[in-house]
Amino acid sequence: MQKIMGERNKHGLGRTIPAEVKRIVRKRCGFGCVRCGLALYDYEHFDPDFKDALTHDENGITLLCMQCNQKRNRGVLSVETVREANKHPKCLSDGFASETFDFGTKSMTVIVASHEFIDCCTLIAINDFPVLSIRPPENIGEPYRLSGRFADETGEITLAIKDNVWAAGADNWDVECVGPRIIIKNGPRRVALKIKSEPPHRIIIEQLNMQFDGIALRAENEKFEISFDGKNWTSFVGGGVAGCNVGIDLRNR
């Protein structure tokens, strides 16, 4: 069991796990807690515990959500149970890791690079498909509901959102949750999606490299670009759309 201690254990091993070891652990675990499948996780040394570890061995590290990690720290979750879950991660059996965005009861703002969508029903539609949409609460006191579908540059779905619940496929090359950000890559230094939540009323798509139904979308820094042939790009810098049914309607048919 990993006890609270200083920055180094009794063998002098620091707490910082090398980035490549983390990526290997994330991929092996399906990008979420091996017990419950939640996509917000901690890295847990279980074989051996961190206090006894000589190295950051990828085979002895797993992913546990904050609740499961607390159970380990409190001694109510055994290493045997963690070891078994590590052999059969829930995210791999389900095919995805999932979590829920925290949105409130007021209208939402979505920012793509520097382009703002305020109080829009369908933010982006491609060939009549709502790639990103927001619906009002079903009942008083319930949150606004965000739904969407993101893909990489080849058209493979990387992240799906349904009524604020997001799911990242276990077949992605890498999915990393860092603070309020979800970062999905389809190769070294190849970011397919970087999305940041600012609860309860705002979400920012900071980086995007996506192809959906023959139309490509790119977003990075202040620039939001669209292409119908993958060669010629139309740029949107600044500005926004407010109070409309469909913000951007794209068609190549």
C-alpha atoms as a PDB file:
ATOM      1  CA  MET A   1       0.000   0.000   0.000  1.00  0.00           C
ATOM      2  CA  GLN A   2       1.336   3.419  -0.993  1.00  0.00           C
ATOM      3  CA  LYS A   3       1.632   5.548   2.148  1.00  0.00           C
ATOM      4  CA  ILE A   4       2.012   9.313   2.204  1.00  0.00           C
ATOM      5  CA  MET A   5       5.706  10.145   2.447  1.00  0.00           C
ATOM      6  CA  GLY A   6       8.317  12.570   1.146  1.00  0.00           C
ATOM      7  CA  GLU A   7       9.387  13.130  -2.435  1.00  0.00           C
ATOM      8  CA  ARG A   8      11.692  10.094  -2.246  1.00  0.00           C
ATOM      9  CA  ASN A   9      11.227   6.655  -0.762  1.00  0.00           C
ATOM     10  CA  LYS A  10      13.685   4.798   1.471  1.00  0.00           C
ATOM     11  CA  HIS A  11      15.685   3.732  -1.602  1.00  0.00           C
ATOM     12  CA  GLY A  12      15.981   7.293  -2.859  1.00  0.00           C
ATOM     13  CA  LEU A  13      13.489   6.786  -5.696  1.00  0.00           C
ATOM     14  CA  GLY A  14      11.683  10.019  -6.576  1.00  0.00           C
ATOM     15  CA  ARG A  15       7.968  10.253  -7.196  1.00  0.00           C
ATOM     16  CA  THR A  16       8.301  11.497 -10.792  1.00  0.00           C
ATOM     17  CA  ILE A  17       7.469   8.646 -13.169  1.00  0.00           C
ATOM     18  CA  PRO A  18       9.139   8.955 -16.609  1.00  0.00           C
ATOM     19  CA  ALA A  19       6.745  10.147 -19.318  1.00  0.00           C
ATOM     20  CA  GLU A  20       7.223   7.086 -21.521  1.00  0.00           C
ATOM     21  CA  VAL A  21       6.556   4.728 -18.604  1.00  0.00           C
ATOM     22  CA  LYS A  22       3.338   6.640 -17.908  1.00  0.00           C
ATOM     23  CA  ARG A  23       2.248   6.324 -21.534  1.00  0.00           C
ATOM     24  CA  ILE A  24       2.896   2.576 -21.542  1.00  0.00           C
ATOM     25  CA  VAL A  25       0.883   2.186 -18.324  1.00  0.00           C
ATOM     26  CA  ARG A  26      -1.992   4.313 -19.695  1.00  0.00           C
ATOM     27  CA  LYS A  27      -2.174   2.261 -22.892  1.00  0.00           C
ATOM     28  CA  ARG A  28      -1.974  -1.073 -21.082  1.00  0.00           C
ATOM     29  CA  CYS A  29      -4.776  -0.060 -18.707  1.00  0.00           C
ATOM     30  CA  GLY A  30      -7.052   1.337 -21.429  1.00  0.00           C
ATOM     31  CA  PHE A  31      -6.647   4.947 -20.216  1.00  0.00           C
ATOM     32  CA  GLY A  32      -8.709   4.591 -17.069  1.00  0.00           C
ATOM     33  CA  CYS A  33      -9.047   2.995 -13.652  1.00  0.00           C
ATOM     34  CA  VAL A  34      -8.519  -0.735 -14.002  1.00  0.00           C
ATOM     35  CA  ARG A  35     -11.303  -1.432 -11.471  1.00  0.00           C
ATOM     36  CA  CYS A  36     -14.141   0.912 -12.461  1.00  0.00           C
ATOM     37  CA  GLY A  37     -13.169   2.430 -15.825  1.00  0.00           C
ATOM     38  CA  LEU A  38     -13.230   6.097 -14.773  1.00  0.00           C
ATOM     39  CA  ALA A  39     -10.889   8.229 -16.863  1.00  0.00           C
ATOM     40  CA  LEU A  40      -9.604  10.452 -14.028  1.00  0.00           C
ATOM     41  CA  TYR A  41      -6.866   8.441 -12.402  1.00  0.00           C
ATOM     42  CA  ASP A  42      -3.691   8.309 -10.353  1.00  0.00           C
ATOM     43  CA  TYR A  43      -0.612   6.180 -11.073  1.00  0.00           C
ATOM     44  CA  GLU A  44      -0.411   3.496  -8.382  1.00  0.00           C
ATOM     45  CA  HIS A  45       2.704   1.481  -7.542  1.00  0.00           C
ATOM     46  CA  PHE A  46       1.320  -1.859  -6.413  1.00  0.00           C
ATOM     47  CA  ASP A  47       4.019  -4.449  -7.108  1.00  0.00           C
ATOM     48  CA  PRO A  48       5.870  -3.398  -5.037  1.00  0.00           C
ATOM     49  CA  ASP A  49       4.383  -0.396  -3.218  1.00  0.00           C
ATOM     50  CA  PHE A  50       6.164   2.891  -3.865  1.00  0.00           C
ATOM     51  CA  LYS A  51       7.872   2.813  -0.461  1.00  0.00           C
ATOM     52  CA  ASP A  52       9.651  -0.416  -1.462  1.00  0.00           C
ATOM     53  CA  ALA A  53      10.204   0.279  -5.182  1.00  0.00           C
ATOM     54  CA  LEU A  54      13.718   0.459  -6.584  1.00  0.00           C
ATOM     55  CA  THR A  55      12.597   1.700 -10.010  1.00  0.00           C
ATOM     56  CA  HIS A  56       9.469   2.927 -11.779  1.00  0.00           C
ATOM     57  CA  ASP A  57       8.736  -0.463 -13.348  1.00  0.00           C
ATOM     58  CA  GLU A  58       5.841  -0.195 -15.786  1.00  0.00           C
ATOM     59  CA  ASN A  59       4.736  -3.734 -14.888  1.00  0.00           C
ATOM     60  CA  GLY A  60       4.317  -2.767 -11.231  1.00  0.00           C
ATOM     61  CA  ILE A  61       2.330   0.418 -11.866  1.00  0.00           C
ATOM     62  CA  THR A  62      -1.357   0.642 -12.680  1.00  0.00           C
ATOM     63  CA  LEU A  63      -4.136   3.248 -12.952  1.00  0.00           C
ATOM     64  CA  LEU A  64      -6.662   3.768 -10.159  1.00  0.00           C
ATOM     65  CA  CYS A  65      -9.323   6.455  -9.931  1.00  0.00           C
ATOM     66  CA  MET A  66      -9.152   8.775  -6.938  1.00  0.00           C
ATOM     67  CA  GLN A  67     -11.743   6.760  -5.012  1.00  0.00           C
ATOM     68  CA  CYS A  68      -9.990   3.429  -5.571  1.00  0.00           C
ATOM     69  CA  ASN A  69      -6.632   5.034  -4.803  1.00  0.00           C
ATOM     70  CA  GLN A  70      -8.008   6.325  -1.486  1.00  0.00           C
ATOM     71  CA  LYS A  71      -9.188   2.823  -0.674  1.00  0.00           C
ATOM     72  CA  ARG A  72      -5.638   1.604  -1.219  1.00  0.00           C
ATOM     73  CA  ASN A  73      -4.223   4.368   0.970  1.00  0.00           C
ATOM     74  CA  ARG A  74      -6.740   3.579   3.726  1.00  0.00           C
ATOM     75  CA  GLY A  75      -5.995  -0.133   3.584  1.00  0.00           C
ATOM     76  CA  VAL A  76      -9.480  -1.254   2.561  1.00  0.00           C
ATOM     77  CA  LEU A  77      -8.465  -2.343  -0.954  1.00  0.00           C
ATOM     78  CA  SER A  78      -5.987  -5.209  -1.145  1.00  0.00           C
ATOM     79  CA  VAL A  79      -3.005  -5.483  -3.442  1.00  0.00           C
ATOM     80  CA  GLU A  80      -4.378  -8.829  -4.577  1.00  0.00           C
ATOM     81  CA  THR A  81      -7.546  -7.165  -5.848  1.00  0.00           C
ATOM     82  CA  VAL A  82      -5.534  -4.444  -7.598  1.00  0.00           C
ATOM     83  CA  ARG A  83      -3.223  -7.044  -9.133  1.00  0.00           C
ATOM     84  CA  GLU A  84      -6.178  -8.991 -10.524  1.00  0.00           C
ATOM     85  CA  ALA A  85      -7.821  -5.834 -11.907  1.00  0.00           C
ATOM     86  CA  ASN A  86      -4.515  -4.889 -13.516  1.00  0.00           C
ATOM     87  CA  LYS A  87      -4.555  -8.210 -15.381  1.00  0.00           C
ATOM     88  CA  HIS A  88      -8.072  -7.549 -16.681  1.00  0.00           C
ATOM     89  CA  PRO A  89      -8.606  -3.747 -16.920  1.00  0.00           C
ATOM     90  CA  LYS A  90     -12.246  -2.737 -17.110  1.00  0.00           C
ATOM     91  CA  CYS A  91     -11.531  -0.159 -19.827  1.00  0.00           C
ATOM     92  CA  LEU A  92     -10.154  -2.846 -22.128  1.00  0.00           C
ATOM     93  CA  SER A  93     -13.165  -5.104 -21.593  1.00  0.00           C
ATOM     94  CA  ASP A  94     -15.560  -2.167 -22.105  1.00  0.00           C
ATOM     95  CA  GLY A  95     -13.532  -0.698 -24.973  1.00  0.00           C
ATOM     96  CA  PHE A  96     -13.360   2.802 -23.475  1.00  0.00           C
ATOM     97  CA  ALA A  97     -12.642   4.943 -20.422  1.00  0.00           C
ATOM     98  CA  SER A  98     -15.303   7.446 -19.372  1.00  0.00           C
ATOM     99  CA  GLU A  99     -16.012  10.456 -17.167  1.00  0.00           C
ATOM    100  CA  THR A 100     -18.625  13.210 -16.811  1.00  0.00           C
ATOM    101  CA  PHE A 101     -18.210  16.927 -17.479  1.00  0.00           C
ATOM    102  CA  ASP A 102     -19.505  19.246 -14.760  1.00  0.00           C
ATOM    103  CA  PHE A 103     -21.837  21.725 -16.457  1.00  0.00           C
ATOM    104  CA  GLY A 104     -24.381  23.997 -14.834  1.00  0.00           C
ATOM    105  CA  THR A 105     -27.956  25.096 -15.367  1.00  0.00           C
ATOM    106  CA  LYS A 106     -27.067  28.230 -17.360  1.00  0.00           C
ATOM    107  CA  SER A 107     -26.300  28.380 -21.089  1.00  0.00           C
ATOM    108  CA  MET A 108     -22.822  27.284 -22.126  1.00  0.00           C
ATOM    109  CA  THR A 109     -19.983  28.795 -24.109  1.00  0.00           C
ATOM    110  CA  VAL A 110     -17.771  26.606 -26.268  1.00  0.00           C
ATOM    111  CA  ILE A 111     -14.528  27.999 -27.673  1.00  0.00           C
ATOM    112  CA  VAL A 112     -12.756  26.419 -30.652  1.00  0.00           C
ATOM    113  CA  ALA A 113      -9.305  28.047 -30.793  1.00  0.00           C
ATOM    114  CA  SER A 114     -10.426  31.707 -30.614  1.00  0.00           C
ATOM    115  CA  HIS A 115     -13.887  31.175 -32.141  1.00  0.00           C
ATOM    116  CA  GLU A 116     -16.729  31.415 -29.593  1.00  0.00           C
ATOM    117  CA  PHE A 117     -20.081  29.647 -29.739  1.00  0.00           C
ATOM    118  CA  ILE A 118     -22.513  31.130 -27.234  1.00  0.00           C
ATOM    119  CA  ASP A 119     -25.979  29.727 -26.591  1.00  0.00           C
ATOM    120  CA  CYS A 120     -26.049  27.700 -29.824  1.00  0.00           C
ATOM    121  CA  CYS A 121     -27.987  24.470 -30.248  1.00  0.00           C
ATOM    122  CA  THR A 122     -25.762  22.816 -32.868  1.00  0.00           C
ATOM    123  CA  LEU A 123     -22.305  24.347 -32.882  1.00  0.00           C
ATOM    124  CA  ILE A 124     -20.869  22.439 -35.850  1.00  0.00           C
ATOM    125  CA  ALA A 125     -22.821  20.323 -38.316  1.00  0.00           C
ATOM    126  CA  ILE A 126     -21.186  18.281 -41.092  1.00  0.00           C
ATOM    127  CA  ASN A 127     -23.502  17.006 -43.808  1.00  0.00           C
ATOM    128  CA  ASP A 128     -26.448  17.443 -41.424  1.00  0.00           C
ATOM    129  CA  PHE A 129     -24.753  15.455 -38.640  1.00  0.00           C
ATOM    130  CA  PRO A 130     -24.407  17.426 -35.350  1.00  0.00           C
ATOM    131  CA  VAL A 131     -20.702  16.983 -34.650  1.00  0.00           C
ATOM    132  CA  LEU A 132     -20.980  19.213 -31.578  1.00  0.00           C
ATOM    133  CA  SER A 133     -24.250  20.235 -29.954  1.00  0.00           C
ATOM    134  CA  ILE A 134     -25.746  21.562 -26.733  1.00  0.00           C
ATOM    135  CA  ARG A 135     -29.222  20.880 -25.418  1.00  0.00           C
ATOM    136  CA  PRO A 136     -31.004  22.664 -22.554  1.00  0.00           C
ATOM    137  CA  PRO A 137     -31.744  20.841 -19.279  1.00  0.00           C
ATOM    138  CA  GLU A 138     -34.474  18.219 -19.422  1.00  0.00           C
ATOM    139  CA  ASN A 139     -35.763  19.254 -16.011  1.00  0.00           C
ATOM    140  CA  ILE A 140     -35.421  22.297 -13.756  1.00  0.00           C
ATOM    141  CA  GLY A 141     -32.178  22.216 -11.790  1.00  0.00           C
ATOM    142  CA  GLU A 142     -30.445  19.809 -14.191  1.00  0.00           C
ATOM    143  CA  PRO A 143     -27.408  20.778 -16.311  1.00  0.00           C
ATOM    144  CA  TYR A 144     -27.117  21.749 -19.943  1.00  0.00           C
ATOM    145  CA  ARG A 145     -26.144  18.739 -22.039  1.00  0.00           C
ATOM    146  CA  LEU A 146     -23.130  18.641 -24.342  1.00  0.00           C
ATOM    147  CA  SER A 147     -22.841  15.960 -27.012  1.00  0.00           C
ATOM    148  CA  GLY A 148     -20.233  15.539 -29.703  1.00  0.00           C
ATOM    149  CA  ARG A 149     -18.012  13.333 -31.757  1.00  0.00           C
ATOM    150  CA  PHE A 150     -14.323  13.928 -32.377  1.00  0.00           C
ATOM    151  CA  ALA A 151     -12.077  12.041 -34.777  1.00  0.00           C
ATOM    152  CA  ASP A 152      -8.434  12.093 -35.794  1.00  0.00           C
ATOM    153  CA  GLU A 153      -7.012  13.101 -39.174  1.00  0.00           C
ATOM    154  CA  THR A 154      -7.878   9.673 -40.612  1.00  0.00           C
ATOM    155  CA  GLY A 155     -11.526   9.852 -39.518  1.00  0.00           C
ATOM    156  CA  GLU A 156     -11.216   7.372 -36.636  1.00  0.00           C
ATOM    157  CA  ILE A 157     -13.327   8.400 -33.628  1.00  0.00           C
ATOM    158  CA  THR A 158     -11.158   9.444 -30.675  1.00  0.00           C
ATOM    159  CA  LEU A 159     -13.665  10.898 -28.206  1.00  0.00           C
ATOM    160  CA  ALA A 160     -17.452  10.656 -27.990  1.00  0.00           C
ATOM    161  CA  ILE A 161     -19.627  12.803 -25.721  1.00  0.00           C
ATOM    162  CA  LYS A 162     -23.250  11.998 -24.923  1.00  0.00           C
ATOM    163  CA  ASP A 163     -25.148  14.275 -22.547  1.00  0.00           C
ATOM    164  CA  ASN A 164     -21.946  15.354 -20.739  1.00  0.00           C
ATOM    165  CA  VAL A 165     -20.563  11.824 -20.387  1.00  0.00           C
ATOM    166  CA  TRP A 166     -17.384  11.467 -22.426  1.00  0.00           C
ATOM    167  CA  ALA A 167     -15.746   8.253 -23.526  1.00  0.00           C
ATOM    168  CA  ALA A 168     -12.271   7.802 -24.986  1.00  0.00           C
ATOM    169  CA  GLY A 169     -11.691   4.597 -26.937  1.00  0.00           C
ATOM    170  CA  ALA A 170      -9.162   2.134 -25.544  1.00  0.00           C
ATOM    171  CA  ASP A 171      -7.802   1.721 -29.086  1.00  0.00           C
ATOM    172  CA  ASN A 172      -6.417   5.281 -29.138  1.00  0.00           C
ATOM    173  CA  TRP A 173      -2.625   5.601 -29.284  1.00  0.00           C
ATOM    174  CA  ASP A 174      -2.670   7.726 -26.142  1.00  0.00           C
ATOM    175  CA  VAL A 175      -5.208   9.488 -23.916  1.00  0.00           C
ATOM    176  CA  GLU A 176      -3.957  11.589 -21.028  1.00  0.00           C
ATOM    177  CA  CYS A 177      -5.925  13.556 -18.435  1.00  0.00           C
ATOM    178  CA  VAL A 178      -3.863  16.434 -17.052  1.00  0.00           C
ATOM    179  CA  GLY A 179      -5.788  18.664 -14.654  1.00  0.00           C
ATOM    180  CA  PRO A 180      -8.888  19.913 -16.523  1.00  0.00           C
ATOM    181  CA  ARG A 181      -7.502  18.824 -19.927  1.00  0.00           C
ATOM    182  CA  ILE A 182      -8.033  15.726 -22.036  1.00  0.00           C
ATOM    183  CA  ILE A 183      -5.183  15.197 -24.513  1.00  0.00           C
ATOM    184  CA  ILE A 184      -5.537  12.562 -27.225  1.00  0.00           C
ATOM    185  CA  LYS A 185      -2.653  11.675 -29.543  1.00  0.00           C
ATOM    186  CA  ASN A 186      -2.467   9.367 -32.533  1.00  0.00           C
ATOM    187  CA  GLY A 187       1.340   9.197 -32.452  1.00  0.00           C
ATOM    188  CA  PRO A 188       4.397  10.855 -30.899  1.00  0.00           C
ATOM    189  CA  ARG A 189       3.836  14.633 -30.816  1.00  0.00           C
ATOM    190  CA  ARG A 190       0.695  14.184 -32.985  1.00  0.00           C
ATOM    191  CA  VAL A 191      -2.174  15.739 -31.037  1.00  0.00           C
ATOM    192  CA  ALA A 192      -5.604  14.812 -32.376  1.00  0.00           C
ATOM    193  CA  LEU A 193      -7.519  16.648 -29.644  1.00  0.00           C
ATOM    194  CA  LYS A 194      -6.779  18.831 -26.642  1.00  0.00           C
ATOM    195  CA  ILE A 195      -9.883  19.901 -24.774  1.00  0.00           C
ATOM    196  CA  LYS A 196     -10.136  21.872 -21.535  1.00  0.00           C
ATOM    197  CA  SER A 197     -13.198  22.131 -19.311  1.00  0.00           C
ATOM    198  CA  GLU A 198     -13.873  25.240 -17.242  1.00  0.00           C
ATOM    199  CA  PRO A 199     -16.889  24.219 -15.183  1.00  0.00           C
ATOM    200  CA  PRO A 200     -19.655  24.970 -14.902  1.00  0.00           C
ATOM    201  CA  HIS A 201     -20.335  26.976 -18.083  1.00  0.00           C
ATOM    202  CA  ARG A 202     -17.397  26.812 -20.489  1.00  0.00           C
ATOM    203  CA  ILE A 203     -15.331  24.330 -22.491  1.00  0.00           C
ATOM    204  CA  ILE A 204     -12.370  25.096 -24.752  1.00  0.00           C
ATOM    205  CA  ILE A 205     -11.128  23.035 -27.705  1.00  0.00           C
ATOM    206  CA  GLU A 206      -7.512  24.142 -27.638  1.00  0.00           C
ATOM    207  CA  GLN A 207      -6.190  21.849 -30.357  1.00  0.00           C
ATOM    208  CA  LEU A 208      -7.878  19.728 -33.009  1.00  0.00           C
ATOM    209  CA  ASN A 209      -6.765  17.763 -36.063  1.00  0.00           C
ATOM    210  CA  MET A 210      -9.831  15.963 -37.334  1.00  0.00           C
ATOM    211  CA  GLN A 211     -11.454  14.599 -40.456  1.00  0.00           C
ATOM    212  CA  PHE A 212     -15.155  13.801 -40.438  1.00  0.00           C
ATOM    213  CA  ASP A 213     -17.190  12.617 -43.436  1.00  0.00           C
ATOM    214  CA  GLY A 214     -14.712  14.073 -45.922  1.00  0.00           C
ATOM    215  CA  ILE A 215     -14.281  17.466 -44.230  1.00  0.00           C
ATOM    216  CA  ALA A 216     -11.126  18.350 -42.275  1.00  0.00           C
ATOM    217  CA  LEU A 217     -10.990  20.656 -39.257  1.00  0.00           C
ATOM    218  CA  ARG A 218      -7.902  22.034 -37.559  1.00  0.00           C
ATOM    219  CA  ALA A 219      -7.594  24.234 -34.513  1.00  0.00           C
ATOM    220  CA  GLU A 220      -4.519  25.445 -32.690  1.00  0.00           C
ATOM    221  CA  ASN A 221      -3.592  28.617 -30.851  1.00  0.00           C
ATOM    222  CA  GLU A 222      -5.848  31.343 -32.288  1.00  0.00           C
ATOM    223  CA  LYS A 223      -6.613  29.706 -35.631  1.00  0.00           C
ATOM    224  CA  PHE A 224      -9.607  27.530 -36.578  1.00  0.00           C
ATOM    225  CA  GLU A 225      -9.413  26.083 -40.108  1.00  0.00           C
ATOM    226  CA  ILE A 226     -11.692  24.047 -42.386  1.00  0.00           C
ATOM    227  CA  SER A 227     -10.852  22.202 -45.615  1.00  0.00           C
ATOM    228  CA  PHE A 228     -13.001  20.295 -48.103  1.00  0.00           C
ATOM    229  CA  ASP A 229     -10.069  18.726 -49.964  1.00  0.00           C
ATOM    230  CA  GLY A 230      -7.276  18.558 -47.364  1.00  0.00           C
ATOM    231  CA  LYS A 231      -5.214  21.070 -49.338  1.00  0.00           C
ATOM    232  CA  ASN A 232      -7.057  24.398 -49.363  1.00  0.00           C
ATOM    233  CA  TRP A 233      -7.974  25.810 -45.967  1.00  0.00           C
ATOM    234  CA  THR A 234     -10.411  28.499 -44.828  1.00  0.00           C
ATOM    235  CA  SER A 235      -9.386  30.206 -41.598  1.00  0.00           C
ATOM    236  CA  PHE A 236     -11.473  31.678 -38.783  1.00  0.00           C
ATOM    237  CA  VAL A 237      -9.534  33.959 -36.447  1.00  0.00           C
ATOM    238  CA  GLY A 238     -11.477  35.491 -33.574  1.00  0.00           C
ATOM    239  CA  GLY A 239     -15.173  36.223 -33.778  1.00  0.00           C
ATOM    240  CA  GLY A 240     -18.020  33.952 -32.818  1.00  0.00           C
ATOM    241  CA  VAL A 241     -21.610  32.879 -33.142  1.00  0.00           C
ATOM    242  CA  ALA A 242     -24.368  33.485 -30.596  1.00  0.00           C
ATOM    243  CA  GLY A 243     -28.016  32.557 -30.114  1.00  0.00           C
ATOM    244  CA  CYS A 244     -28.543  30.460 -33.245  1.00  0.00           C
ATOM    245  CA  ASN A 245     -29.752  26.999 -34.124  1.00  0.00           C
ATOM    246  CA  VAL A 246     -26.649  26.008 -36.141  1.00  0.00           C
ATOM    247  CA  GLY A 247     -23.333  27.834 -35.706  1.00  0.00           C
ATOM    248  CA  ILE A 248     -21.320  26.391 -38.612  1.00  0.00           C
ATOM    249  CA  ASP A 249     -23.039  24.263 -41.259  1.00  0.00           C
ATOM    250  CA  LEU A 250     -20.565  22.365 -43.493  1.00  0.00           C
ATOM    251  CA  ARG A 251     -21.535  20.319 -46.542  1.00  0.00           C
ATOM    252  CA  ASN A 252     -19.540  18.631 -49.276  1.00  0.00           C
ATOM    253  CA  ARG A 253     -22.485  16.939 -50.962  1.00  0.00           C
END
